[in-house]
Amino acid sequence: MKISAIGLAYLRAVEGRSLETYICPAGKPTIGYGHTGSEAYLGNKITAKQAIDLLLADLIPVEGAITDCVTFKLNQNQFDALAGLIFNIGVEAFKDSTLLKKLNDGNIIEAASEFSRWVFVTADGVKKKSKGLIIRRCKEALLFLRD
Protein backbone atom coordinates (compact mmCIF):
# COMPACT_ATOMS: atom_id res chain seq x y z
CA MET A 1 0.00 0.00 0.00
CA LYS A 2 0.87 3.64 -0.38
CA ILE A 3 -0.56 6.78 1.14
CA SER A 4 -3.71 7.87 -0.71
CA ALA A 5 -4.46 11.28 -2.19
CA ILE A 6 -6.70 11.92 0.84
CA GLY A 7 -3.92 10.89 3.23
CA LEU A 8 -1.42 13.07 1.40
CA ALA A 9 -3.79 16.05 1.52
CA TYR A 10 -4.29 15.47 5.26
CA LEU A 11 -0.55 15.31 5.86
CA ARG A 12 0.07 18.47 3.85
CA ALA A 13 -2.63 20.28 5.84
CA VAL A 14 -1.38 19.26 9.30
CA GLU A 15 2.27 19.82 8.48
CA GLY A 16 1.74 23.14 6.74
CA ARG A 17 4.17 24.33 4.12
CA SER A 18 7.07 26.69 4.47
CA LEU A 19 9.22 27.48 1.47
CA GLU A 20 11.87 28.92 3.76
CA THR A 21 13.65 27.10 6.58
CA TYR A 22 12.33 27.82 10.07
CA ILE A 23 12.93 26.35 13.52
CA CYS A 24 10.06 24.05 14.54
CA PRO A 25 8.74 23.83 18.15
CA ALA A 26 11.14 20.94 18.82
CA GLY A 27 14.04 23.20 17.84
CA LYS A 28 14.85 21.55 14.49
CA PRO A 29 15.46 23.42 11.23
CA THR A 30 12.49 22.53 9.00
CA ILE A 31 11.43 23.33 5.44
CA GLY A 32 8.66 22.31 3.05
CA TYR A 33 6.14 19.98 4.65
CA GLY A 34 7.97 19.06 7.85
CA HIS A 35 11.24 18.14 6.13
CA THR A 36 14.23 18.14 8.49
CA GLY A 37 16.89 16.75 6.15
CA SER A 38 19.99 18.40 4.70
CA GLU A 39 17.90 20.92 2.74
CA ALA A 40 16.63 22.41 6.01
CA TYR A 41 19.26 24.97 6.90
CA LEU A 42 18.64 28.55 7.92
CA GLY A 43 18.41 30.89 4.97
CA ASN A 44 17.45 28.18 2.48
CA LYS A 45 14.44 28.65 0.23
CA ILE A 46 12.74 26.08 -2.00
CA THR A 47 9.94 26.04 -4.56
CA ALA A 48 6.46 24.58 -4.06
CA LYS A 49 7.42 21.68 -6.33
CA GLN A 50 10.54 21.00 -4.29
CA ALA A 51 8.41 20.95 -1.14
CA ILE A 52 6.16 18.27 -2.64
CA ASP A 53 9.16 16.30 -3.91
CA LEU A 54 10.76 16.35 -0.45
CA LEU A 55 7.50 15.21 1.15
CA LEU A 56 7.12 12.31 -1.29
CA ALA A 57 10.74 11.28 -0.69
CA ASP A 58 10.27 11.52 3.09
CA LEU A 59 7.23 9.24 2.83
CA ILE A 60 9.20 6.37 1.23
CA PRO A 61 10.66 5.07 4.53
CA VAL A 62 7.34 5.73 6.29
CA GLU A 63 5.42 3.57 3.82
CA GLY A 64 8.19 0.97 4.00
CA ALA A 65 7.94 0.81 7.78
CA ILE A 66 4.21 0.19 7.61
CA THR A 67 4.65 -2.51 4.98
CA ASP A 68 7.54 -4.17 6.83
CA CYS A 69 6.26 -3.94 10.42
CA VAL A 70 2.48 -4.22 10.30
CA THR A 71 1.18 -7.76 9.99
CA PHE A 72 -2.48 -6.79 10.45
CA LYS A 73 -4.41 -6.25 7.20
CA LEU A 74 -4.99 -2.48 7.05
CA ASN A 75 -7.64 -0.53 5.20
CA GLN A 76 -6.57 2.64 3.37
CA ASN A 77 -7.70 4.95 6.20
CA GLN A 78 -5.64 2.99 8.72
CA PHE A 79 -2.61 3.13 6.44
CA ASP A 80 -3.04 6.89 5.93
CA ALA A 81 -3.42 7.52 9.68
CA LEU A 82 -0.30 5.50 10.44
CA ALA A 83 1.62 7.34 7.73
CA GLY A 84 0.68 10.66 9.31
CA LEU A 85 1.78 9.48 12.74
CA ILE A 86 5.04 7.90 11.61
CA PHE A 87 5.94 10.90 9.46
CA ASN A 88 5.82 12.94 12.66
CA ILE A 89 7.28 10.58 15.27
CA GLY A 90 9.79 8.71 13.10
CA VAL A 91 10.17 5.14 11.91
CA GLU A 92 12.23 3.92 14.87
CA ALA A 93 9.75 5.23 17.43
CA PHE A 94 6.95 3.46 15.58
CA LYS A 95 8.85 0.18 15.40
CA ASP A 96 9.22 0.16 19.19
CA SER A 97 5.69 1.37 19.93
CA THR A 98 2.92 -0.24 21.93
CA LEU A 99 0.62 0.95 19.14
CA LEU A 100 2.33 -1.39 16.68
CA LYS A 101 2.19 -4.31 19.10
CA LYS A 102 -1.53 -3.81 19.76
CA LEU A 103 -2.23 -3.39 16.06
CA ASN A 104 -0.40 -6.57 15.13
CA ASP A 105 -2.30 -8.37 17.90
CA GLY A 106 -5.52 -7.27 16.15
CA ASN A 107 -6.58 -4.89 18.93
CA ILE A 108 -7.76 -2.03 16.70
CA ILE A 109 -9.52 -0.01 19.42
CA GLU A 110 -6.55 -0.30 21.77
CA ALA A 111 -4.16 0.58 18.94
CA ALA A 112 -6.25 3.67 18.14
CA SER A 113 -6.10 4.75 21.78
CA GLU A 114 -2.30 4.72 21.56
CA PHE A 115 -2.28 7.69 19.17
CA SER A 116 -3.04 9.96 22.14
CA ARG A 117 0.25 9.02 23.80
CA TRP A 118 2.26 10.78 21.07
CA VAL A 119 1.43 14.37 22.03
CA PHE A 120 4.68 15.54 23.60
CA VAL A 121 7.32 17.81 22.18
CA THR A 122 10.77 18.29 23.66
CA ALA A 123 12.13 21.81 23.45
CA ASP A 124 15.25 22.96 25.27
CA GLY A 125 15.37 19.59 27.03
CA VAL A 126 11.86 19.96 28.45
CA LYS A 127 9.11 17.53 27.47
CA LYS A 128 5.63 19.04 27.37
CA LYS A 129 2.22 18.40 25.82
CA SER A 130 1.50 20.18 22.57
CA LYS A 131 -2.04 21.37 21.85
CA GLY A 132 -1.32 21.03 18.13
CA LEU A 133 -0.20 17.42 18.56
CA ILE A 134 -3.23 16.60 20.72
CA ILE A 135 -5.50 17.81 17.91
CA ARG A 136 -3.44 16.04 15.25
CA ARG A 137 -3.46 12.71 17.09
CA CYS A 138 -7.20 12.93 17.63
CA LYS A 139 -7.70 13.42 13.87
CA GLU A 140 -5.35 10.52 13.10
CA ALA A 141 -7.11 8.19 15.55
CA LEU A 142 -10.49 9.07 14.05
CA LEU A 143 -9.15 8.42 10.54
CA PHE A 144 -7.65 5.14 11.77
CA LEU A 145 -11.04 3.99 13.04
CA ARG A 146 -12.92 4.96 9.85
CA ASP A 147 -13.98 2.11 7.53
C-alpha atoms as a PDB file:
ATOM      1  CA  MET A   1       0.000   0.000   0.000  1.00  0.00           C
ATOM      2  CA  LYS A   2       0.869   3.643  -0.382  1.00  0.00           C
ATOM      3  CA  ILE A   3      -0.561   6.781   1.139  1.00  0.00           C
ATOM      4  CA  SER A   4      -3.709   7.867  -0.708  1.00  0.00           C
ATOM      5  CA  ALA A   5      -4.458  11.278  -2.188  1.00  0.00           C
ATOM      6  CA  ILE A   6      -6.695  11.920   0.842  1.00  0.00           C
ATOM      7  CA  GLY A   7      -3.917  10.888   3.227  1.00  0.00           C
ATOM      8  CA  LEU A   8      -1.422  13.069   1.399  1.00  0.00           C
ATOM      9  CA  ALA A   9      -3.795  16.052   1.517  1.00  0.00           C
ATOM     10  CA  TYR A  10      -4.295  15.470   5.261  1.00  0.00           C
ATOM     11  CA  LEU A  11      -0.549  15.314   5.863  1.00  0.00           C
ATOM     12  CA  ARG A  12       0.068  18.473   3.849  1.00  0.00           C
ATOM     13  CA  ALA A  13      -2.635  20.278   5.839  1.00  0.00           C
ATOM     14  CA  VAL A  14      -1.383  19.262   9.296  1.00  0.00           C
ATOM     15  CA  GLU A  15       2.272  19.823   8.476  1.00  0.00           C
ATOM     16  CA  GLY A  16       1.740  23.137   6.736  1.00  0.00           C
ATOM     17  CA  ARG A  17       4.175  24.332   4.117  1.00  0.00           C
ATOM     18  CA  SER A  18       7.070  26.692   4.474  1.00  0.00           C
ATOM     19  CA  LEU A  19       9.217  27.478   1.466  1.00  0.00           C
ATOM     20  CA  GLU A  20      11.874  28.919   3.755  1.00  0.00           C
ATOM     21  CA  THR A  21      13.649  27.100   6.578  1.00  0.00           C
ATOM     22  CA  TYR A  22      12.334  27.816  10.067  1.00  0.00           C
ATOM     23  CA  ILE A  23      12.926  26.353  13.515  1.00  0.00           C
ATOM     24  CA  CYS A  24      10.057  24.047  14.544  1.00  0.00           C
ATOM     25  CA  PRO A  25       8.741  23.834  18.152  1.00  0.00           C
ATOM     26  CA  ALA A  26      11.137  20.935  18.818  1.00  0.00           C
ATOM     27  CA  GLY A  27      14.040  23.203  17.842  1.00  0.00           C
ATOM     28  CA  LYS A  28      14.852  21.551  14.486  1.00  0.00           C
ATOM     29  CA  PRO A  29      15.463  23.421  11.232  1.00  0.00           C
ATOM     30  CA  THR A  30      12.491  22.527   9.002  1.00  0.00           C
ATOM     31  CA  ILE A  31      11.426  23.332   5.439  1.00  0.00           C
ATOM     32  CA  GLY A  32       8.664  22.314   3.050  1.00  0.00           C
ATOM     33  CA  TYR A  33       6.138  19.983   4.650  1.00  0.00           C
ATOM     34  CA  GLY A  34       7.968  19.062   7.846  1.00  0.00           C
ATOM     35  CA  HIS A  35      11.235  18.144   6.130  1.00  0.00           C
ATOM     36  CA  THR A  36      14.226  18.145   8.490  1.00  0.00           C
ATOM     37  CA  GLY A  37      16.894  16.748   6.153  1.00  0.00           C
ATOM     38  CA  SER A  38      19.986  18.395   4.702  1.00  0.00           C
ATOM     39  CA  GLU A  39      17.902  20.924   2.742  1.00  0.00           C
ATOM     40  CA  ALA A  40      16.634  22.414   6.014  1.00  0.00           C
ATOM     41  CA  TYR A  41      19.259  24.973   6.905  1.00  0.00           C
ATOM     42  CA  LEU A  42      18.636  28.548   7.923  1.00  0.00           C
ATOM     43  CA  GLY A  43      18.415  30.888   4.974  1.00  0.00           C
ATOM     44  CA  ASN A  44      17.454  28.177   2.475  1.00  0.00           C
ATOM     45  CA  LYS A  45      14.443  28.647   0.229  1.00  0.00           C
ATOM     46  CA  ILE A  46      12.735  26.083  -1.996  1.00  0.00           C
ATOM     47  CA  THR A  47       9.935  26.043  -4.557  1.00  0.00           C
ATOM     48  CA  ALA A  48       6.462  24.583  -4.064  1.00  0.00           C
ATOM     49  CA  LYS A  49       7.419  21.683  -6.334  1.00  0.00           C
ATOM     50  CA  GLN A  50      10.542  20.999  -4.295  1.00  0.00           C
ATOM     51  CA  ALA A  51       8.414  20.954  -1.138  1.00  0.00           C
ATOM     52  CA  ILE A  52       6.165  18.269  -2.642  1.00  0.00           C
ATOM     53  CA  ASP A  53       9.162  16.300  -3.910  1.00  0.00           C
ATOM     54  CA  LEU A  54      10.757  16.353  -0.445  1.00  0.00           C
ATOM     55  CA  LEU A  55       7.504  15.207   1.152  1.00  0.00           C
ATOM     56  CA  LEU A  56       7.118  12.312  -1.286  1.00  0.00           C
ATOM     57  CA  ALA A  57      10.740  11.278  -0.694  1.00  0.00           C
ATOM     58  CA  ASP A  58      10.266  11.523   3.088  1.00  0.00           C
ATOM     59  CA  LEU A  59       7.229   9.237   2.826  1.00  0.00           C
ATOM     60  CA  ILE A  60       9.195   6.372   1.235  1.00  0.00           C
ATOM     61  CA  PRO A  61      10.660   5.066   4.530  1.00  0.00           C
ATOM     62  CA  VAL A  62       7.337   5.727   6.295  1.00  0.00           C
ATOM     63  CA  GLU A  63       5.425   3.575   3.822  1.00  0.00           C
ATOM     64  CA  GLY A  64       8.186   0.973   3.996  1.00  0.00           C
ATOM     65  CA  ALA A  65       7.942   0.807   7.785  1.00  0.00           C
ATOM     66  CA  ILE A  66       4.206   0.193   7.610  1.00  0.00           C
ATOM     67  CA  THR A  67       4.655  -2.506   4.977  1.00  0.00           C
ATOM     68  CA  ASP A  68       7.537  -4.169   6.829  1.00  0.00           C
ATOM     69  CA  CYS A  69       6.261  -3.939  10.417  1.00  0.00           C
ATOM     70  CA  VAL A  70       2.482  -4.223  10.297  1.00  0.00           C
ATOM     71  CA  THR A  71       1.179  -7.759   9.986  1.00  0.00           C
ATOM     72  CA  PHE A  72      -2.483  -6.786  10.451  1.00  0.00           C
ATOM     73  CA  LYS A  73      -4.406  -6.246   7.199  1.00  0.00           C
ATOM     74  CA  LEU A  74      -4.995  -2.481   7.047  1.00  0.00           C
ATOM     75  CA  ASN A  75      -7.639  -0.534   5.202  1.00  0.00           C
ATOM     76  CA  GLN A  76      -6.573   2.637   3.374  1.00  0.00           C
ATOM     77  CA  ASN A  77      -7.699   4.949   6.198  1.00  0.00           C
ATOM     78  CA  GLN A  78      -5.641   2.992   8.723  1.00  0.00           C
ATOM     79  CA  PHE A  79      -2.611   3.130   6.443  1.00  0.00           C
ATOM     80  CA  ASP A  80      -3.036   6.890   5.930  1.00  0.00           C
ATOM     81  CA  ALA A  81      -3.419   7.521   9.676  1.00  0.00           C
ATOM     82  CA  LEU A  82      -0.298   5.497  10.442  1.00  0.00           C
ATOM     83  CA  ALA A  83       1.624   7.345   7.730  1.00  0.00           C
ATOM     84  CA  GLY A  84       0.676  10.663   9.314  1.00  0.00           C
ATOM     85  CA  LEU A  85       1.778   9.476  12.740  1.00  0.00           C
ATOM     86  CA  ILE A  86       5.042   7.903  11.608  1.00  0.00           C
ATOM     87  CA  PHE A  87       5.941  10.898   9.455  1.00  0.00           C
ATOM     88  CA  ASN A  88       5.818  12.940  12.657  1.00  0.00           C
ATOM     89  CA  ILE A  89       7.283  10.576  15.274  1.00  0.00           C
ATOM     90  CA  GLY A  90       9.788   8.713  13.099  1.00  0.00           C
ATOM     91  CA  VAL A  91      10.168   5.143  11.914  1.00  0.00           C
ATOM     92  CA  GLU A  92      12.228   3.921  14.869  1.00  0.00           C
ATOM     93  CA  ALA A  93       9.750   5.235  17.433  1.00  0.00           C
ATOM     94  CA  PHE A  94       6.949   3.464  15.577  1.00  0.00           C
ATOM     95  CA  LYS A  95       8.851   0.176  15.396  1.00  0.00           C
ATOM     96  CA  ASP A  96       9.220   0.162  19.194  1.00  0.00           C
ATOM     97  CA  SER A  97       5.686   1.373  19.933  1.00  0.00           C
ATOM     98  CA  THR A  98       2.919  -0.245  21.927  1.00  0.00           C
ATOM     99  CA  LEU A  99       0.622   0.954  19.143  1.00  0.00           C
ATOM    100  CA  LEU A 100       2.327  -1.388  16.676  1.00  0.00           C
ATOM    101  CA  LYS A 101       2.191  -4.315  19.101  1.00  0.00           C
ATOM    102  CA  LYS A 102      -1.525  -3.810  19.761  1.00  0.00           C
ATOM    103  CA  LEU A 103      -2.227  -3.387  16.065  1.00  0.00           C
ATOM    104  CA  ASN A 104      -0.398  -6.572  15.131  1.00  0.00           C
ATOM    105  CA  ASP A 105      -2.305  -8.371  17.901  1.00  0.00           C
ATOM    106  CA  GLY A 106      -5.516  -7.274  16.150  1.00  0.00           C
ATOM    107  CA  ASN A 107      -6.581  -4.885  18.926  1.00  0.00           C
ATOM    108  CA  ILE A 108      -7.758  -2.029  16.704  1.00  0.00           C
ATOM    109  CA  ILE A 109      -9.517  -0.010  19.424  1.00  0.00           C
ATOM    110  CA  GLU A 110      -6.550  -0.301  21.771  1.00  0.00           C
ATOM    111  CA  ALA A 111      -4.159   0.584  18.941  1.00  0.00           C
ATOM    112  CA  ALA A 112      -6.252   3.671  18.136  1.00  0.00           C
ATOM    113  CA  SER A 113      -6.104   4.747  21.778  1.00  0.00           C
ATOM    114  CA  GLU A 114      -2.300   4.716  21.558  1.00  0.00           C
ATOM    115  CA  PHE A 115      -2.281   7.689  19.172  1.00  0.00           C
ATOM    116  CA  SER A 116      -3.042   9.955  22.136  1.00  0.00           C
ATOM    117  CA  ARG A 117       0.249   9.023  23.802  1.00  0.00           C
ATOM    118  CA  TRP A 118       2.262  10.779  21.068  1.00  0.00           C
ATOM    119  CA  VAL A 119       1.434  14.373  22.031  1.00  0.00           C
ATOM    120  CA  PHE A 120       4.677  15.540  23.603  1.00  0.00           C
ATOM    121  CA  VAL A 121       7.322  17.811  22.178  1.00  0.00           C
ATOM    122  CA  THR A 122      10.769  18.287  23.662  1.00  0.00           C
ATOM    123  CA  ALA A 123      12.135  21.806  23.446  1.00  0.00           C
ATOM    124  CA  ASP A 124      15.250  22.964  25.269  1.00  0.00           C
ATOM    125  CA  GLY A 125      15.368  19.587  27.028  1.00  0.00           C
ATOM    126  CA  VAL A 126      11.862  19.960  28.453  1.00  0.00           C
ATOM    127  CA  LYS A 127       9.111  17.531  27.469  1.00  0.00           C
ATOM    128  CA  LYS A 128       5.635  19.043  27.373  1.00  0.00           C
ATOM    129  CA  LYS A 129       2.222  18.402  25.822  1.00  0.00           C
ATOM    130  CA  SER A 130       1.502  20.185  22.567  1.00  0.00           C
ATOM    131  CA  LYS A 131      -2.040  21.374  21.853  1.00  0.00           C
ATOM    132  CA  GLY A 132      -1.324  21.030  18.133  1.00  0.00           C
ATOM    133  CA  LEU A 133      -0.199  17.417  18.556  1.00  0.00           C
ATOM    134  CA  ILE A 134      -3.227  16.600  20.720  1.00  0.00           C
ATOM    135  CA  ILE A 135      -5.500  17.809  17.910  1.00  0.00           C
ATOM    136  CA  ARG A 136      -3.442  16.042  15.248  1.00  0.00           C
ATOM    137  CA  ARG A 137      -3.460  12.707  17.086  1.00  0.00           C
ATOM    138  CA  CYS A 138      -7.195  12.933  17.628  1.00  0.00           C
ATOM    139  CA  LYS A 139      -7.700  13.417  13.873  1.00  0.00           C
ATOM    140  CA  GLU A 140      -5.349  10.523  13.099  1.00  0.00           C
ATOM    141  CA  ALA A 141      -7.108   8.191  15.547  1.00  0.00           C
ATOM    142  CA  LEU A 142     -10.495   9.070  14.048  1.00  0.00           C
ATOM    143  CA  LEU A 143      -9.153   8.425  10.543  1.00  0.00           C
ATOM    144  CA  PHE A 144      -7.647   5.144  11.772  1.00  0.00           C
ATOM    145  CA  LEU A 145     -11.037   3.987  13.043  1.00  0.00           C
ATOM    146  CA  ARG A 146     -12.917   4.958   9.855  1.00  0.00           C
ATOM    147  CA  ASP A 147     -13.981   2.111   7.530  1.00  0.00           C
END
